[in-house]
N, C-alpha and C. Protein backbone atom coordinates (compact mmCIF):
# COMPACT_ATOMS: atom_id res chain seq x y z
N UNK A 1 63.89 186.55 30.58
CA UNK A 1 63.56 186.89 31.95
C UNK A 1 62.11 186.48 32.23
N UNK A 2 61.89 185.96 33.42
CA UNK A 2 60.54 185.55 33.82
C UNK A 2 59.63 186.76 33.90
N UNK A 3 58.35 186.53 33.62
CA UNK A 3 57.38 187.62 33.71
C UNK A 3 57.15 187.97 35.18
N UNK A 4 56.56 189.12 35.40
CA UNK A 4 56.24 189.54 36.76
C UNK A 4 55.29 188.52 37.41
N UNK A 5 54.36 187.99 36.64
CA UNK A 5 53.44 186.97 37.16
C UNK A 5 54.17 185.70 37.57
N UNK A 6 55.13 185.27 36.77
CA UNK A 6 55.92 184.07 37.10
C UNK A 6 56.76 184.32 38.35
N UNK A 7 57.32 185.50 38.46
CA UNK A 7 58.11 185.83 39.64
C UNK A 7 57.22 185.87 40.89
N UNK A 8 56.05 186.48 40.76
CA UNK A 8 55.11 186.55 41.88
C UNK A 8 54.68 185.15 42.32
N UNK A 9 54.44 184.26 41.33
CA UNK A 9 54.05 182.89 41.66
C UNK A 9 55.19 182.17 42.38
N UNK A 10 56.42 182.38 41.96
CA UNK A 10 57.57 181.77 42.63
C UNK A 10 57.65 182.23 44.08
N UNK A 11 57.46 183.51 44.30
CA UNK A 11 57.51 184.05 45.67
C UNK A 11 56.36 183.51 46.50
N UNK A 12 55.17 183.47 45.92
CA UNK A 12 54.00 182.94 46.63
C UNK A 12 54.23 181.48 47.02
N UNK A 13 54.78 180.70 46.12
CA UNK A 13 55.05 179.29 46.38
C UNK A 13 56.13 179.14 47.46
N UNK A 14 57.16 179.97 47.41
CA UNK A 14 58.22 179.95 48.42
C UNK A 14 57.63 180.25 49.80
N UNK A 15 56.81 181.28 49.88
CA UNK A 15 56.21 181.65 51.17
C UNK A 15 55.30 180.53 51.67
N UNK A 16 54.54 179.92 50.79
CA UNK A 16 53.65 178.82 51.19
C UNK A 16 54.46 177.63 51.71
N UNK A 17 55.54 177.28 51.01
CA UNK A 17 56.39 176.16 51.45
C UNK A 17 57.04 176.46 52.79
N UNK A 18 57.55 177.68 52.95
CA UNK A 18 58.18 178.06 54.22
C UNK A 18 57.16 178.02 55.36
N UNK A 19 55.96 178.50 55.10
CA UNK A 19 54.91 178.49 56.12
C UNK A 19 54.52 177.06 56.49
N UNK A 20 54.42 176.19 55.49
CA UNK A 20 54.08 174.80 55.75
C UNK A 20 55.12 174.14 56.67
N UNK A 21 56.38 174.32 56.34
CA UNK A 21 57.46 173.71 57.13
C UNK A 21 57.55 174.32 58.52
N UNK A 22 57.45 175.65 58.60
CA UNK A 22 57.54 176.32 59.90
C UNK A 22 56.34 175.96 60.78
N UNK A 23 55.16 175.91 60.20
CA UNK A 23 53.97 175.56 60.99
C UNK A 23 54.05 174.15 61.54
N UNK A 24 54.51 173.22 60.72
CA UNK A 24 54.65 171.84 61.18
C UNK A 24 55.72 171.73 62.27
N UNK A 25 56.84 172.41 62.06
CA UNK A 25 57.90 172.41 63.09
C UNK A 25 57.38 173.01 64.38
N UNK A 26 56.68 174.13 64.30
CA UNK A 26 56.15 174.79 65.50
C UNK A 26 55.17 173.89 66.24
N UNK A 27 54.28 173.25 65.50
CA UNK A 27 53.29 172.36 66.12
C UNK A 27 53.98 171.21 66.85
N UNK A 28 54.92 170.58 66.18
CA UNK A 28 55.60 169.41 66.78
C UNK A 28 56.50 169.81 67.94
N UNK A 29 57.20 170.93 67.83
CA UNK A 29 58.06 171.38 68.92
C UNK A 29 57.23 171.65 70.18
N UNK A 30 56.10 172.30 70.01
CA UNK A 30 55.25 172.60 71.17
C UNK A 30 54.70 171.31 71.77
N UNK A 31 54.25 170.40 70.93
CA UNK A 31 53.65 169.15 71.42
C UNK A 31 54.68 168.21 72.04
N UNK A 32 55.84 168.10 71.43
CA UNK A 32 56.82 167.09 71.85
C UNK A 32 57.84 167.60 72.87
N UNK A 33 58.18 168.89 72.80
CA UNK A 33 59.28 169.41 73.63
C UNK A 33 58.83 170.60 74.49
N UNK A 34 57.61 171.07 74.28
CA UNK A 34 57.07 172.24 74.98
C UNK A 34 57.96 173.47 74.81
N UNK A 35 58.33 173.72 73.57
CA UNK A 35 59.10 174.91 73.23
C UNK A 35 58.55 175.44 71.91
N UNK A 36 58.49 176.75 71.78
CA UNK A 36 58.02 177.33 70.52
C UNK A 36 59.15 177.31 69.50
N UNK A 37 58.80 177.47 68.25
CA UNK A 37 59.82 177.54 67.20
C UNK A 37 60.75 178.73 67.44
N UNK A 38 60.19 179.85 67.87
CA UNK A 38 61.01 181.03 68.15
C UNK A 38 61.96 180.77 69.33
N UNK A 39 61.49 180.10 70.37
CA UNK A 39 62.36 179.77 71.51
C UNK A 39 63.47 178.83 71.09
N UNK A 40 63.15 177.85 70.25
CA UNK A 40 64.17 176.94 69.73
C UNK A 40 65.22 177.73 68.96
N UNK A 41 64.79 178.68 68.16
CA UNK A 41 65.73 179.50 67.39
C UNK A 41 66.61 180.34 68.30
N UNK A 42 66.06 180.89 69.38
CA UNK A 42 66.86 181.65 70.35
C UNK A 42 67.95 180.75 70.92
N UNK A 43 67.57 179.58 71.38
CA UNK A 43 68.55 178.65 71.96
C UNK A 43 69.60 178.25 70.93
N UNK A 44 69.17 177.99 69.71
CA UNK A 44 70.07 177.59 68.63
C UNK A 44 71.06 178.70 68.30
N UNK A 45 70.57 179.92 68.14
CA UNK A 45 71.45 181.05 67.78
C UNK A 45 72.46 181.35 68.88
N UNK A 46 72.01 181.31 70.13
CA UNK A 46 72.92 181.56 71.25
C UNK A 46 73.99 180.48 71.30
N UNK A 47 73.60 179.24 71.10
CA UNK A 47 74.56 178.14 71.12
C UNK A 47 75.56 178.27 69.98
N UNK A 48 75.08 178.60 68.79
CA UNK A 48 76.00 178.80 67.65
C UNK A 48 77.00 179.92 67.93
N UNK A 49 76.57 180.90 68.72
CA UNK A 49 77.45 182.03 69.04
C UNK A 49 78.40 181.71 70.20
N UNK A 50 78.39 180.48 70.69
CA UNK A 50 79.32 180.10 71.75
C UNK A 50 78.71 180.05 73.14
N UNK A 51 77.39 180.19 73.23
CA UNK A 51 76.72 180.07 74.53
C UNK A 51 76.19 181.37 75.09
N UNK A 52 76.60 182.49 74.51
CA UNK A 52 76.07 183.78 74.94
C UNK A 52 76.04 184.73 73.76
N UNK A 53 75.15 185.71 73.87
CA UNK A 53 74.97 186.64 72.77
C UNK A 53 74.37 187.94 73.30
N UNK A 54 74.85 189.06 72.81
CA UNK A 54 74.23 190.33 73.20
C UNK A 54 72.80 190.37 72.69
N UNK A 55 71.95 190.97 73.50
CA UNK A 55 70.53 191.04 73.17
C UNK A 55 70.30 191.68 71.80
N UNK A 56 71.00 192.77 71.51
CA UNK A 56 70.82 193.45 70.22
C UNK A 56 71.22 192.55 69.05
N UNK A 57 72.30 191.79 69.21
CA UNK A 57 72.73 190.87 68.16
C UNK A 57 71.74 189.73 67.98
N UNK A 58 71.19 189.25 69.08
CA UNK A 58 70.19 188.19 69.03
C UNK A 58 68.95 188.67 68.29
N UNK A 59 68.48 189.86 68.63
CA UNK A 59 67.30 190.41 67.96
C UNK A 59 67.56 190.53 66.46
N UNK A 60 68.73 191.01 66.10
CA UNK A 60 69.06 191.17 64.68
C UNK A 60 69.13 189.81 63.98
N UNK A 61 69.75 188.83 64.61
CA UNK A 61 69.90 187.51 64.01
C UNK A 61 68.53 186.85 63.78
N UNK A 62 67.59 187.12 64.67
CA UNK A 62 66.27 186.51 64.59
C UNK A 62 65.27 187.36 63.80
N UNK A 63 65.71 188.53 63.37
CA UNK A 63 64.84 189.49 62.68
C UNK A 63 63.68 189.91 63.58
N UNK A 64 63.96 190.07 64.88
CA UNK A 64 62.98 190.52 65.86
C UNK A 64 63.23 192.00 66.15
N UNK A 65 62.20 192.68 66.61
CA UNK A 65 62.40 194.01 67.17
C UNK A 65 63.08 193.84 68.53
N UNK A 66 63.63 194.91 69.06
CA UNK A 66 64.25 194.84 70.39
C UNK A 66 63.21 194.42 71.43
N UNK A 67 62.00 194.97 71.35
CA UNK A 67 60.97 194.61 72.33
C UNK A 67 60.51 193.17 72.15
N UNK A 68 60.46 192.69 70.90
CA UNK A 68 60.09 191.29 70.66
C UNK A 68 61.12 190.34 71.25
N UNK A 69 62.40 190.67 71.07
CA UNK A 69 63.47 189.85 71.64
C UNK A 69 63.41 189.88 73.16
N UNK A 70 63.15 191.05 73.72
CA UNK A 70 63.06 191.16 75.18
C UNK A 70 61.93 190.30 75.73
N UNK A 71 60.78 190.32 75.07
CA UNK A 71 59.64 189.52 75.54
C UNK A 71 59.96 188.02 75.54
N UNK A 72 60.54 187.54 74.45
CA UNK A 72 60.81 186.10 74.38
C UNK A 72 61.91 185.71 75.36
N UNK A 73 62.93 186.54 75.51
CA UNK A 73 64.01 186.24 76.47
C UNK A 73 63.47 186.28 77.89
N UNK A 74 62.59 187.23 78.20
CA UNK A 74 61.97 187.27 79.54
C UNK A 74 61.23 185.96 79.83
N UNK A 75 60.45 185.51 78.87
CA UNK A 75 59.69 184.27 79.03
C UNK A 75 60.63 183.07 79.22
N UNK A 76 61.70 183.04 78.43
CA UNK A 76 62.65 181.93 78.51
C UNK A 76 63.46 181.98 79.80
N UNK A 77 63.75 183.17 80.30
CA UNK A 77 64.46 183.30 81.58
C UNK A 77 63.59 182.78 82.72
N UNK A 78 62.30 183.10 82.67
CA UNK A 78 61.38 182.59 83.70
C UNK A 78 61.31 181.06 83.67
N UNK A 79 61.47 180.48 82.49
CA UNK A 79 61.44 179.02 82.34
C UNK A 79 62.80 178.38 82.65
N UNK A 80 63.82 179.20 82.91
CA UNK A 80 65.14 178.68 83.25
C UNK A 80 65.98 178.25 82.06
N UNK A 81 65.59 178.65 80.85
CA UNK A 81 66.31 178.23 79.65
C UNK A 81 67.49 179.16 79.32
N UNK A 82 67.39 180.40 79.75
CA UNK A 82 68.47 181.38 79.54
C UNK A 82 68.60 182.23 80.78
N UNK A 83 69.74 182.88 80.90
CA UNK A 83 69.98 183.88 81.93
C UNK A 83 70.39 185.17 81.24
N UNK A 84 70.24 186.26 81.94
CA UNK A 84 70.72 187.55 81.45
C UNK A 84 71.93 187.96 82.26
N UNK A 85 72.84 188.63 81.60
CA UNK A 85 74.03 189.14 82.29
C UNK A 85 74.33 190.52 81.73
N UNK A 86 74.79 191.41 82.57
CA UNK A 86 75.19 192.74 82.13
C UNK A 86 76.57 192.65 81.49
N UNK A 87 76.79 193.50 80.51
CA UNK A 87 78.08 193.58 79.85
C UNK A 87 78.94 194.57 80.63
N UNK A 88 80.09 194.12 81.12
CA UNK A 88 80.93 194.98 81.94
C UNK A 88 81.34 196.26 81.24
N UNK A 89 81.65 196.16 79.96
CA UNK A 89 82.13 197.32 79.22
C UNK A 89 81.01 198.28 78.81
N UNK A 90 79.75 197.85 78.91
CA UNK A 90 78.62 198.69 78.52
C UNK A 90 77.42 198.31 79.39
N UNK A 91 77.20 199.05 80.45
CA UNK A 91 76.16 198.70 81.42
C UNK A 91 74.75 198.74 80.83
N UNK A 92 74.59 199.39 79.68
CA UNK A 92 73.27 199.42 79.04
C UNK A 92 72.99 198.14 78.28
N UNK A 93 74.03 197.42 77.91
CA UNK A 93 73.88 196.20 77.10
C UNK A 93 73.64 194.98 77.99
N UNK A 94 72.90 194.05 77.44
CA UNK A 94 72.60 192.80 78.14
C UNK A 94 73.05 191.64 77.27
N UNK A 95 73.64 190.65 77.91
CA UNK A 95 74.01 189.41 77.23
C UNK A 95 73.03 188.32 77.67
N UNK A 96 72.63 187.51 76.72
CA UNK A 96 71.76 186.38 77.02
C UNK A 96 72.63 185.13 76.98
N UNK A 97 72.55 184.33 78.03
CA UNK A 97 73.38 183.14 78.19
C UNK A 97 72.48 181.92 78.29
N UNK A 98 72.79 180.90 77.52
CA UNK A 98 72.01 179.66 77.59
C UNK A 98 72.39 178.91 78.87
N UNK A 99 71.40 178.32 79.52
CA UNK A 99 71.62 177.54 80.74
C UNK A 99 71.74 176.06 80.39
N UNK A 100 72.07 175.25 81.39
CA UNK A 100 72.09 173.79 81.17
C UNK A 100 70.72 173.29 80.74
N UNK A 101 69.70 173.81 81.38
CA UNK A 101 68.33 173.42 81.01
C UNK A 101 68.04 173.83 79.57
N UNK A 102 68.52 174.97 79.16
CA UNK A 102 68.35 175.42 77.78
C UNK A 102 69.08 174.51 76.80
N UNK A 103 70.27 174.09 77.16
CA UNK A 103 71.02 173.17 76.29
C UNK A 103 70.30 171.82 76.18
N UNK A 104 69.77 171.35 77.29
CA UNK A 104 69.02 170.08 77.26
C UNK A 104 67.78 170.21 76.37
N UNK A 105 67.08 171.33 76.53
CA UNK A 105 65.88 171.54 75.73
C UNK A 105 66.22 171.64 74.25
N UNK A 106 67.32 172.34 73.92
CA UNK A 106 67.74 172.44 72.53
C UNK A 106 68.06 171.06 71.97
N UNK A 107 68.74 170.23 72.75
CA UNK A 107 69.07 168.88 72.29
C UNK A 107 67.79 168.08 72.00
N UNK A 108 66.74 168.32 72.77
CA UNK A 108 65.47 167.62 72.55
C UNK A 108 64.79 168.05 71.25
N UNK A 109 65.12 169.24 70.76
CA UNK A 109 64.47 169.72 69.53
C UNK A 109 65.04 169.05 68.28
N UNK A 110 66.25 168.53 68.36
CA UNK A 110 66.90 167.94 67.19
C UNK A 110 66.09 166.85 66.52
N UNK A 111 65.67 165.83 67.26
CA UNK A 111 64.88 164.77 66.63
C UNK A 111 63.55 165.27 66.04
N UNK A 112 62.96 166.26 66.67
CA UNK A 112 61.71 166.82 66.15
C UNK A 112 61.96 167.49 64.81
N UNK A 113 62.99 168.33 64.75
CA UNK A 113 63.30 169.02 63.50
C UNK A 113 63.69 168.03 62.41
N UNK A 114 64.42 167.00 62.81
CA UNK A 114 64.81 165.98 61.83
C UNK A 114 63.58 165.29 61.25
N UNK A 115 62.60 164.98 62.09
CA UNK A 115 61.41 164.31 61.58
C UNK A 115 60.62 165.22 60.63
N UNK A 116 60.57 166.49 60.91
CA UNK A 116 59.89 167.42 60.01
C UNK A 116 60.59 167.43 58.65
N UNK A 117 61.91 167.51 58.66
CA UNK A 117 62.66 167.52 57.40
C UNK A 117 62.45 166.21 56.65
N UNK A 118 62.56 165.11 57.36
CA UNK A 118 62.43 163.80 56.71
C UNK A 118 61.03 163.56 56.13
N UNK A 119 60.01 164.07 56.79
CA UNK A 119 58.63 163.82 56.34
C UNK A 119 58.08 164.88 55.40
N UNK A 120 58.48 166.13 55.58
CA UNK A 120 57.83 167.23 54.85
C UNK A 120 58.71 167.89 53.79
N UNK A 121 60.00 167.53 53.75
CA UNK A 121 60.92 168.17 52.80
C UNK A 121 61.64 167.13 51.94
N UNK A 122 62.31 166.22 52.60
CA UNK A 122 63.16 165.24 51.91
C UNK A 122 62.47 164.43 50.82
N UNK A 123 61.23 163.96 51.01
CA UNK A 123 60.62 163.14 49.96
C UNK A 123 60.37 163.87 48.65
N UNK A 124 60.43 165.17 48.67
CA UNK A 124 60.02 165.95 47.52
C UNK A 124 61.16 166.61 46.75
N UNK A 125 62.39 166.46 47.24
CA UNK A 125 63.53 167.13 46.59
C UNK A 125 64.73 166.18 46.51
N UNK A 126 65.54 166.39 45.48
CA UNK A 126 66.78 165.64 45.35
C UNK A 126 67.92 166.46 45.93
N UNK A 127 69.07 165.84 46.10
CA UNK A 127 70.24 166.57 46.58
C UNK A 127 70.61 167.71 45.63
N UNK A 128 70.52 167.46 44.34
CA UNK A 128 70.82 168.51 43.36
C UNK A 128 69.85 169.68 43.49
N UNK A 129 68.58 169.38 43.69
CA UNK A 129 67.59 170.45 43.86
C UNK A 129 67.84 171.25 45.13
N UNK A 130 68.26 170.57 46.18
CA UNK A 130 68.59 171.28 47.42
C UNK A 130 69.76 172.22 47.20
N UNK A 131 70.76 171.76 46.48
CA UNK A 131 71.92 172.61 46.20
C UNK A 131 71.52 173.85 45.39
N UNK A 132 70.67 173.66 44.40
CA UNK A 132 70.20 174.78 43.58
C UNK A 132 69.34 175.72 44.43
N UNK A 133 68.42 175.17 45.20
CA UNK A 133 67.57 175.98 46.05
C UNK A 133 68.40 176.81 47.03
N UNK A 134 69.39 176.18 47.64
CA UNK A 134 70.25 176.89 48.58
C UNK A 134 70.97 178.04 47.90
N UNK A 135 71.54 177.78 46.73
CA UNK A 135 72.24 178.86 46.01
C UNK A 135 71.29 180.01 45.67
N UNK A 136 70.11 179.69 45.20
CA UNK A 136 69.14 180.72 44.84
C UNK A 136 68.76 181.56 46.06
N UNK A 137 68.41 180.89 47.15
CA UNK A 137 67.98 181.62 48.35
C UNK A 137 69.11 182.45 48.93
N UNK A 138 70.33 181.91 48.93
CA UNK A 138 71.47 182.68 49.42
C UNK A 138 71.71 183.92 48.57
N UNK A 139 71.57 183.80 47.25
CA UNK A 139 71.74 184.96 46.37
C UNK A 139 70.72 186.04 46.71
N UNK A 140 69.49 185.64 46.96
CA UNK A 140 68.45 186.61 47.30
C UNK A 140 68.74 187.28 48.63
N UNK A 141 69.08 186.48 49.63
CA UNK A 141 69.31 187.01 50.97
C UNK A 141 70.55 187.91 50.99
N UNK A 142 71.65 187.43 50.48
CA UNK A 142 72.89 188.22 50.47
C UNK A 142 72.73 189.44 49.57
N UNK A 143 72.08 189.28 48.43
CA UNK A 143 71.87 190.39 47.52
C UNK A 143 71.04 191.51 48.13
N UNK A 144 70.24 191.19 49.11
CA UNK A 144 69.43 192.18 49.80
C UNK A 144 70.06 192.63 51.12
N UNK A 145 71.35 192.35 51.28
CA UNK A 145 72.08 192.89 52.43
C UNK A 145 72.00 192.10 53.71
N UNK A 146 71.57 190.87 53.66
CA UNK A 146 71.52 190.04 54.86
C UNK A 146 72.50 188.89 54.71
N UNK A 147 73.00 188.43 55.82
CA UNK A 147 73.80 187.21 55.90
C UNK A 147 75.15 187.29 55.18
N UNK A 148 75.62 188.44 54.85
CA UNK A 148 76.91 188.53 54.15
C UNK A 148 78.03 187.91 54.97
N UNK A 149 77.89 187.94 56.29
CA UNK A 149 78.93 187.40 57.17
C UNK A 149 78.60 185.99 57.68
N UNK A 150 77.58 185.36 57.15
CA UNK A 150 77.18 184.04 57.63
C UNK A 150 78.12 182.95 57.15
N UNK A 151 78.07 181.87 57.84
CA UNK A 151 78.90 180.71 57.51
C UNK A 151 78.42 180.05 56.22
N UNK A 152 79.32 179.31 55.62
CA UNK A 152 78.93 178.50 54.47
C UNK A 152 78.09 177.33 54.96
N UNK A 153 77.45 176.61 54.06
CA UNK A 153 76.61 175.49 54.47
C UNK A 153 77.43 174.40 55.17
N UNK A 154 78.68 174.18 54.73
CA UNK A 154 79.50 173.16 55.39
C UNK A 154 79.91 173.62 56.80
N UNK A 155 80.18 174.91 56.99
CA UNK A 155 80.49 175.43 58.32
C UNK A 155 79.25 175.35 59.21
N UNK A 156 78.10 175.63 58.64
CA UNK A 156 76.84 175.55 59.38
C UNK A 156 76.59 174.10 59.80
N UNK A 157 76.81 173.18 58.89
CA UNK A 157 76.63 171.75 59.17
C UNK A 157 77.55 171.32 60.32
N UNK A 158 78.79 171.78 60.30
CA UNK A 158 79.73 171.45 61.37
C UNK A 158 79.26 172.02 62.70
N UNK A 159 78.72 173.22 62.69
CA UNK A 159 78.20 173.84 63.91
C UNK A 159 77.03 173.07 64.47
N UNK A 160 76.15 172.62 63.60
CA UNK A 160 74.99 171.84 64.03
C UNK A 160 75.45 170.56 64.71
N UNK A 161 76.40 169.86 64.10
CA UNK A 161 76.92 168.62 64.71
C UNK A 161 77.57 168.91 66.06
N UNK A 162 78.29 170.02 66.15
CA UNK A 162 79.01 170.37 67.37
C UNK A 162 78.05 170.61 68.54
N UNK A 163 76.89 171.17 68.29
CA UNK A 163 75.97 171.47 69.38
C UNK A 163 74.93 170.38 69.60
N UNK A 164 75.07 169.27 68.88
CA UNK A 164 74.21 168.13 69.15
C UNK A 164 72.92 168.10 68.37
N UNK A 165 72.78 168.95 67.36
CA UNK A 165 71.60 168.89 66.52
C UNK A 165 71.88 167.86 65.43
N UNK A 166 70.93 167.02 65.12
CA UNK A 166 71.19 166.00 64.11
C UNK A 166 71.36 166.64 62.73
N UNK A 167 72.22 166.05 61.97
CA UNK A 167 72.41 166.47 60.60
C UNK A 167 71.47 165.63 59.74
N UNK A 168 70.69 166.29 58.94
CA UNK A 168 69.73 165.57 58.11
C UNK A 168 70.29 165.52 56.70
N UNK A 169 70.59 164.35 56.26
CA UNK A 169 71.14 164.14 54.91
C UNK A 169 70.05 163.55 54.05
N UNK A 170 69.79 164.18 52.95
CA UNK A 170 68.72 163.67 52.08
C UNK A 170 69.26 162.57 51.19
N UNK A 171 68.33 161.91 50.54
CA UNK A 171 68.68 160.81 49.64
C UNK A 171 69.40 161.34 48.41
N UNK A 172 70.10 160.48 47.72
CA UNK A 172 70.82 160.88 46.51
C UNK A 172 69.99 160.65 45.28
């Protein structure tokens, strides 16, 4: 078994790599498409859910607080990227619906995200390493009670293609 120091270093390195990739994606999305990484994720999650999603489910999927989700959805509604709708069966619940403008903006994020992956991830890992990394991260996430109901990577890949996000295939 790895020492506590080795485990801590692995976690520190994981956090640093995730921050590097997220920061680069956020910078490029804002510069090229005028959308934040969080806004892109809102549009992506709603689209994966079929075009609409209850606010509480969206907050949970994004790991946001209810107030954090409300703030970002308010901002996106003002920009015309999403609309809100009341749920007929529960007047307290709100559904967030992606608009045509939101779909167009999401489609614009695809090439940006692809370039980040191609430049900041792909050159440093092999397909085998990606498969191992994915298995490891899924074990951690599912083992800690998250994503148990999430799609497999092939189902996720199919969803990405269906909504017009480019599929990034690394070298062999």
